[in-house]
Structures are given as C-alpha cells and as structure tokens.
N, C-alpha and C. Protein backbone atom coordinates (compact mmCIF):
# COMPACT_ATOMS: atom_id res chain seq x y z
N UNK A 1 0.73 -1.09 -0.05
CA UNK A 1 0.08 0.11 -0.15
C UNK A 1 0.72 1.29 -0.09
N UNK A 2 1.67 1.35 0.85
CA UNK A 2 2.80 2.54 1.06
C UNK A 2 3.48 2.63 -0.31
N UNK A 3 3.88 1.76 -0.87
CA UNK A 3 4.83 1.55 -2.13
C UNK A 3 3.92 2.11 -3.01
N UNK A 4 2.39 1.75 -3.40
CA UNK A 4 1.68 2.38 -4.31
C UNK A 4 1.41 3.84 -4.25
N UNK A 5 1.23 4.28 -2.92
CA UNK A 5 0.94 5.64 -2.69
C UNK A 5 2.11 6.55 -3.03
N UNK A 6 3.27 5.91 -2.65
CA UNK A 6 4.57 6.44 -2.76
C UNK A 6 4.81 6.65 -4.33
N UNK A 7 4.61 5.70 -5.09
CA UNK A 7 4.77 5.70 -6.63
C UNK A 7 3.89 6.56 -7.17
N UNK A 8 2.57 6.65 -6.86
CA UNK A 8 1.58 7.46 -7.32
C UNK A 8 1.53 8.99 -7.17
N UNK A 9 1.95 9.20 -5.92
CA UNK A 9 1.88 10.60 -5.38
C UNK A 9 3.33 11.20 -4.97
N UNK A 10 4.09 10.31 -5.07
CA UNK A 10 5.65 10.81 -4.74
C UNK A 10 5.90 10.68 -3.44
N UNK A 11 7.25 10.49 -3.22
CA UNK A 11 7.73 10.10 -1.94
C UNK A 11 7.34 11.44 -0.83
N UNK A 12 6.31 10.92 -0.12
CA UNK A 12 6.06 11.99 0.91
C UNK A 12 5.62 11.24 2.41
N UNK A 13 5.74 11.94 3.58
CA UNK A 13 5.31 11.25 4.64
C UNK A 13 3.99 11.34 4.96
N UNK A 14 3.34 9.98 5.47
CA UNK A 14 2.00 10.10 5.93
C UNK A 14 2.07 10.37 7.34
N UNK A 15 1.18 11.25 7.80
CA UNK A 15 1.08 11.74 9.33
C UNK A 15 0.06 11.46 9.95
N UNK A 16 -1.23 10.98 9.21
CA UNK A 16 -2.39 10.66 9.89
C UNK A 16 -3.40 10.17 9.04
N UNK A 17 -4.45 9.40 9.74
CA UNK A 17 -5.50 8.72 8.80
C UNK A 17 -6.80 9.03 9.60
N UNK A 18 -7.82 8.92 8.74
CA UNK A 18 -9.16 8.83 9.41
C UNK A 18 -9.93 7.90 8.52
N UNK A 19 -11.07 7.25 8.98
CA UNK A 19 -11.84 6.54 8.23
C UNK A 19 -13.44 6.90 8.61
N UNK A 20 -14.27 6.97 7.55
CA UNK A 20 -15.75 7.30 7.96
C UNK A 20 -16.47 5.82 7.86
N UNK A 21 -15.88 4.99 7.39
CA UNK A 21 -16.45 3.68 7.15
C UNK A 21 -16.62 3.77 5.52
N UNK A 22 -16.82 4.59 4.91
CA UNK A 22 -17.14 4.67 3.23
C UNK A 22 -15.97 5.12 2.71
N UNK A 23 -15.05 6.21 3.29
CA UNK A 23 -14.15 6.72 2.67
C UNK A 23 -12.97 6.82 3.74
N UNK A 24 -11.61 6.57 3.34
CA UNK A 24 -10.47 6.69 4.04
C UNK A 24 -9.70 8.02 3.45
N UNK A 25 -9.22 8.64 4.65
CA UNK A 25 -8.60 9.97 4.07
C UNK A 25 -7.05 9.68 4.76
N UNK A 26 -5.95 9.97 4.19
CA UNK A 26 -4.97 10.14 4.78
C UNK A 26 -4.01 11.47 4.63
N UNK A 27 -3.72 11.92 5.59
CA UNK A 27 -2.54 13.17 5.31
C UNK A 27 -1.25 12.86 4.72
N UNK A 28 -1.01 13.08 3.54
CA UNK A 28 0.08 12.57 2.77
C UNK A 28 1.20 13.65 2.51
N UNK A 29 2.10 13.83 3.04
CA UNK A 29 2.98 15.02 2.68
C UNK A 29 2.33 16.57 3.11
N UNK A 30 1.47 16.50 4.20
CA UNK A 30 0.74 17.83 4.43
C UNK A 30 -0.59 17.89 3.49
N UNK A 31 -0.88 17.23 2.66
CA UNK A 31 -2.03 17.39 1.70
C UNK A 31 -2.93 16.14 2.15
N UNK A 32 -4.18 16.10 1.52
CA UNK A 32 -5.14 15.19 1.65
C UNK A 32 -5.18 14.23 0.48
N UNK A 33 -5.22 12.59 0.86
CA UNK A 33 -5.51 11.72 -0.18
C UNK A 33 -6.87 11.11 0.25
N UNK A 34 -7.59 10.41 -0.62
CA UNK A 34 -8.89 9.66 -0.24
C UNK A 34 -8.83 8.56 -0.99
N UNK A 35 -9.80 7.65 -0.42
CA UNK A 35 -9.80 6.31 -0.98
C UNK A 35 -11.05 5.87 -0.71
N UNK A 36 -11.76 5.16 -1.62
CA UNK A 36 -13.15 4.68 -1.34
C UNK A 36 -12.94 3.02 -1.11
N UNK A 37 -11.89 2.56 -1.44
CA UNK A 37 -11.44 1.17 -1.46
C UNK A 37 -9.98 0.66 -0.79
N UNK A 38 -9.40 1.75 -0.55
CA UNK A 38 -7.94 1.34 -0.13
C UNK A 38 -6.75 1.02 -0.93
N UNK A 39 -7.33 0.88 -2.24
CA UNK A 39 -6.77 0.82 -3.50
C UNK A 39 -6.42 1.74 -4.43
N UNK A 40 -7.28 2.48 -4.71
CA UNK A 40 -7.28 3.64 -5.68
C UNK A 40 -7.43 4.96 -4.77
N UNK A 41 -6.50 5.82 -4.91
CA UNK A 41 -6.16 7.15 -4.14
C UNK A 41 -6.22 8.20 -5.03
N UNK A 42 -6.70 9.42 -4.58
CA UNK A 42 -6.89 10.70 -5.24
C UNK A 42 -6.65 11.77 -4.33
N UNK A 43 -5.56 12.72 -4.74
CA UNK A 43 -5.15 13.82 -3.83
C UNK A 43 -6.25 14.90 -4.05
N UNK A 44 -6.55 15.49 -3.06
CA UNK A 44 -7.71 16.62 -2.60
C UNK A 44 -7.09 17.67 -2.54
N UNK A 45 -7.95 18.62 -2.76
CA UNK A 45 -7.44 20.24 -2.76
C UNK A 45 -8.16 20.65 -1.65
N UNK A 46 -7.38 21.13 -0.43
CA UNK A 46 -7.93 21.54 0.85
C UNK A 46 -8.32 22.94 0.77
N UNK A 47 -7.66 23.54 0.02
CA UNK A 47 -7.67 25.19 -0.08
C UNK A 47 -6.91 26.09 1.14
N UNK A 48 -6.27 25.13 1.78
CA UNK A 48 -5.28 25.86 2.69
C UNK A 48 -3.77 25.74 2.39
N UNK A 49 -3.03 26.90 2.81
CA UNK A 49 -1.72 26.91 2.52
C UNK A 49 -1.03 25.99 3.74
N UNK A 50 -1.73 25.98 4.96
CA UNK A 50 -1.28 25.15 5.91
C UNK A 50 -0.85 23.69 5.84
N UNK A 51 0.14 23.27 6.31
CA UNK A 51 0.56 21.82 6.20
C UNK A 51 -0.17 21.04 7.24
N UNK A 52 -1.13 20.05 6.85
CA UNK A 52 -1.97 19.56 7.62
C UNK A 52 -1.40 18.42 8.27
N UNK A 53 -1.55 18.10 9.58
CA UNK A 53 -0.78 17.16 10.46
C UNK A 53 -1.74 16.06 11.28
N UNK A 54 -2.98 16.56 11.36
CA UNK A 54 -3.82 15.66 12.13
C UNK A 54 -5.30 15.77 11.43
N UNK A 55 -6.00 14.41 11.75
CA UNK A 55 -7.38 14.23 10.98
C UNK A 55 -8.07 13.52 11.92
N UNK A 56 -9.18 13.48 11.76
CA UNK A 56 -10.29 12.66 12.50
C UNK A 56 -11.85 12.58 12.09
N UNK A 57 -12.55 11.65 12.27
CA UNK A 57 -13.86 11.61 11.74
C UNK A 57 -14.66 11.80 12.94
N UNK A 58 -15.71 12.62 13.00
CA UNK A 58 -16.35 13.07 13.99
C UNK A 58 -17.84 12.09 14.29
N UNK A 59 -18.18 11.56 13.12
CA UNK A 59 -19.28 10.91 12.91
C UNK A 59 -20.31 11.12 12.05
N UNK A 60 -20.10 12.84 11.57
CA UNK A 60 -20.67 13.45 10.58
C UNK A 60 -19.78 14.16 9.75
N UNK A 61 -18.49 14.48 10.20
CA UNK A 61 -17.70 15.30 9.32
C UNK A 61 -16.05 14.82 9.67
N UNK A 62 -15.18 14.93 8.57
CA UNK A 62 -13.84 14.91 8.87
C UNK A 62 -13.39 16.14 9.26
N UNK A 63 -12.29 16.20 10.37
CA UNK A 63 -11.88 17.42 10.55
C UNK A 63 -10.10 17.64 10.58
N UNK A 64 -9.61 18.30 9.96
CA UNK A 64 -8.31 18.16 9.70
C UNK A 64 -7.55 19.50 10.29
N UNK A 65 -6.50 19.22 11.01
CA UNK A 65 -5.72 20.43 11.54
C UNK A 65 -4.29 20.56 11.08
N UNK A 66 -3.80 21.84 11.12
CA UNK A 66 -2.30 21.97 10.79
C UNK A 66 -2.01 23.42 10.90
N UNK A 67 -0.76 23.70 11.55
CA UNK A 67 -0.42 25.09 11.43
C UNK A 67 -1.69 25.65 12.54
N UNK A 68 -1.92 26.87 11.93
CA UNK A 68 -3.22 27.44 12.66
C UNK A 68 -4.54 27.27 12.12
N UNK A 69 -4.60 26.37 11.15
CA UNK A 69 -5.69 25.90 10.45
C UNK A 69 -6.62 24.89 10.96
N UNK A 70 -7.94 25.01 10.88
CA UNK A 70 -8.92 23.83 10.81
C UNK A 70 -9.70 23.97 9.71
N UNK A 71 -9.91 22.50 9.31
CA UNK A 71 -10.95 22.36 7.98
C UNK A 71 -11.89 21.48 8.41
N UNK A 72 -13.02 21.41 7.75
CA UNK A 72 -14.18 20.42 7.98
C UNK A 72 -14.61 19.87 6.60
N UNK A 73 -14.85 18.62 6.52
CA UNK A 73 -15.33 18.18 5.25
C UNK A 73 -16.43 16.95 5.52
N UNK A 74 -17.63 17.07 4.84
CA UNK A 74 -18.59 15.90 5.14
C UNK A 74 -17.98 14.53 4.20
N UNK A 75 -17.20 14.77 3.31
CA UNK A 75 -16.79 13.85 2.29
C UNK A 75 -15.42 13.63 2.04
N UNK A 76 -14.56 14.57 2.38
CA UNK A 76 -13.17 14.38 2.36
C UNK A 76 -12.53 15.23 0.97
N UNK A 77 -13.70 15.77 0.36
CA UNK A 77 -13.30 16.36 -0.99
C UNK A 77 -13.42 17.79 -0.70
N UNK A 78 -14.80 18.12 -0.31
CA UNK A 78 -15.12 19.69 -0.27
C UNK A 78 -14.60 20.13 1.28
N UNK A 79 -13.71 20.96 1.20
CA UNK A 79 -13.35 21.39 2.68
C UNK A 79 -13.60 22.99 3.13
N UNK A 80 -13.86 23.14 4.24
CA UNK A 80 -14.57 24.48 4.47
C UNK A 80 -13.56 24.76 6.10
N UNK A 81 -12.93 26.11 5.71
CA UNK A 81 -12.19 26.49 7.16
C UNK A 81 -13.09 26.68 8.37
N UNK A 82 -12.37 26.41 9.48
CA UNK A 82 -13.29 26.50 10.94
C UNK A 82 -12.39 27.47 11.55
N UNK A 83 -12.99 27.98 12.60
CA UNK A 83 -12.30 28.71 13.75
C UNK A 83 -11.28 27.98 14.46
N UNK A 84 -9.89 28.33 14.34
CA UNK A 84 -9.26 27.25 15.29
C UNK A 84 -9.25 27.48 17.00
N UNK A 85 -9.81 28.54 17.21
CA UNK A 85 -9.87 28.75 18.57
C UNK A 85 -8.58 29.04 19.40
N UNK A 86 -7.46 29.38 18.54
CA UNK A 86 -6.12 29.21 18.97
C UNK A 86 -5.23 29.98 17.81
N UNK A 87 -4.14 30.51 18.38
CA UNK A 87 -3.19 31.21 17.39
C UNK A 87 -2.04 30.50 17.34
N UNK A 88 -2.11 29.32 18.14
CA UNK A 88 -0.71 28.34 18.24
C UNK A 88 -1.00 27.25 17.37
N UNK A 89 0.02 26.59 16.94
CA UNK A 89 0.14 25.69 15.98
C UNK A 89 -0.69 24.33 16.37
N UNK A 90 -1.65 23.98 15.53
CA UNK A 90 -2.22 22.67 15.95
C UNK A 90 -1.85 21.35 15.06
N UNK A 91 -1.38 20.22 15.84
CA UNK A 91 -0.65 19.09 15.30
C UNK A 91 -1.62 17.93 15.24
N UNK A 92 -2.52 17.97 16.11
CA UNK A 92 -3.43 16.75 16.34
C UNK A 92 -4.82 16.99 16.67
N UNK A 93 -5.78 16.13 16.35
CA UNK A 93 -7.23 16.24 16.60
C UNK A 93 -7.78 14.61 16.70
N UNK A 94 -8.68 14.82 17.59
CA UNK A 94 -9.54 13.52 17.91
C UNK A 94 -10.91 13.87 18.32
N UNK A 95 -12.02 12.80 18.15
CA UNK A 95 -13.23 12.91 18.50
C UNK A 95 -13.35 11.96 19.73
N UNK A 96 -13.94 12.63 21.03
CA UNK A 96 -14.10 11.86 21.96
C UNK A 96 -15.35 10.95 22.05
N UNK A 97 -16.43 11.30 21.11
CA UNK A 97 -17.68 10.77 21.28
C UNK A 97 -18.73 11.99 21.47
N UNK A 98 -18.25 13.13 21.94
CA UNK A 98 -19.17 13.93 22.31
C UNK A 98 -18.45 15.26 22.16
N UNK A 99 -17.21 15.50 21.64
CA UNK A 99 -16.37 16.88 21.48
C UNK A 99 -15.27 16.37 20.33
N UNK A 100 -14.73 17.61 19.72
CA UNK A 100 -13.51 17.71 19.08
C UNK A 100 -12.39 18.34 20.02
N UNK A 101 -11.18 17.59 20.07
CA UNK A 101 -10.25 18.05 20.96
C UNK A 101 -8.78 17.92 20.22
N UNK A 102 -8.45 19.35 19.76
CA UNK A 102 -7.12 19.70 19.07
C UNK A 102 -5.89 19.84 20.18
N UNK A 103 -4.78 19.26 19.74
CA UNK A 103 -3.83 19.57 20.62
C UNK A 103 -2.47 20.22 19.72
N UNK A 104 -1.52 20.94 20.24
CA UNK A 104 -0.69 21.61 19.48
C UNK A 104 0.51 21.93 20.28
N UNK A 105 1.38 23.00 19.61
CA UNK A 105 2.73 23.28 20.08
C UNK A 105 2.47 24.10 21.39
N UNK A 106 3.70 23.92 22.29
CA UNK A 106 3.65 24.55 23.59
C UNK A 106 2.57 24.09 24.50
N UNK A 107 2.14 23.04 24.40
CA UNK A 107 1.13 22.17 25.32
C UNK A 107 -0.51 22.96 24.92
N UNK A 108 -0.71 23.45 23.90
CA UNK A 108 -1.97 23.95 23.35
C UNK A 108 -2.99 22.67 23.53
N UNK A 109 -4.21 22.73 24.22
CA UNK A 109 -5.22 22.00 24.01
C UNK A 109 -6.40 22.74 23.89
N UNK A 110 -7.29 22.59 22.91
CA UNK A 110 -8.47 23.21 22.63
C UNK A 110 -9.56 22.54 22.09
N UNK A 111 -10.85 22.80 22.48
CA UNK A 111 -11.86 22.12 22.06
C UNK A 111 -12.20 22.82 20.93
N UNK A 112 -13.13 22.12 19.73
CA UNK A 112 -13.42 22.86 18.49
C UNK A 112 -14.84 22.68 18.45
N UNK A 113 -15.50 23.63 17.76
CA UNK A 113 -16.97 23.69 17.62
C UNK A 113 -17.56 22.60 16.62
C-alpha cells in the first residue's frame, strides 16, 4: 500500500489517517488523499496553505488540523475553514464521542466547535 502511494503521489510522509466507514483519508505530505476502497487514491485540494498534520472523523464530518488552520468536510473532498480557537500551531485532533479536541505546540489543547 505505501509503495503504491509513494509511486503514485511521490515520496511523502504520511502523518495521520481517518475513516468514515465509506472513505479513508490520509494526510500525505501535508495534503489530503482519499480512497473509497484502499486501493485507488486521489489527491484532494484542501484550499489551505497550512501543512495539515492531524485528521479525525467525528461521526458526521472529517476535521483536519495543521499550523493555525482547521478544516471540516462531510466527504473528504469539499473542505471548509473553521475557527481554530487559538493562534498556536495545531498538530493533532481527535473525536471523544461528544467533542472535538485538538492539541498543538507549547502544550496547546482546545475544543473545537
């Protein structure tokens, strides 16, 4: 799998992965790649200049974070910027079952809307 991605999308670093059950998303070299089946992968345009480093599925949408950016998408293809709630760099995000929590540089921990 990694070899296939490397040959298709270039030699880049995979930093995070999330799945909605219907689609898998990987953050690959700071960008987003999606797959409906784990075999065919498509690079997506996020609309941000931030290098994305964390992604999660909340049960209704994907949330990606990186730098001082937060993006939301229902399908992994169309992304909408969200308020990050901080000016510190965000590096990871998770869904607790009731809220989104992002972590970042210098001990930053924020809940996202």
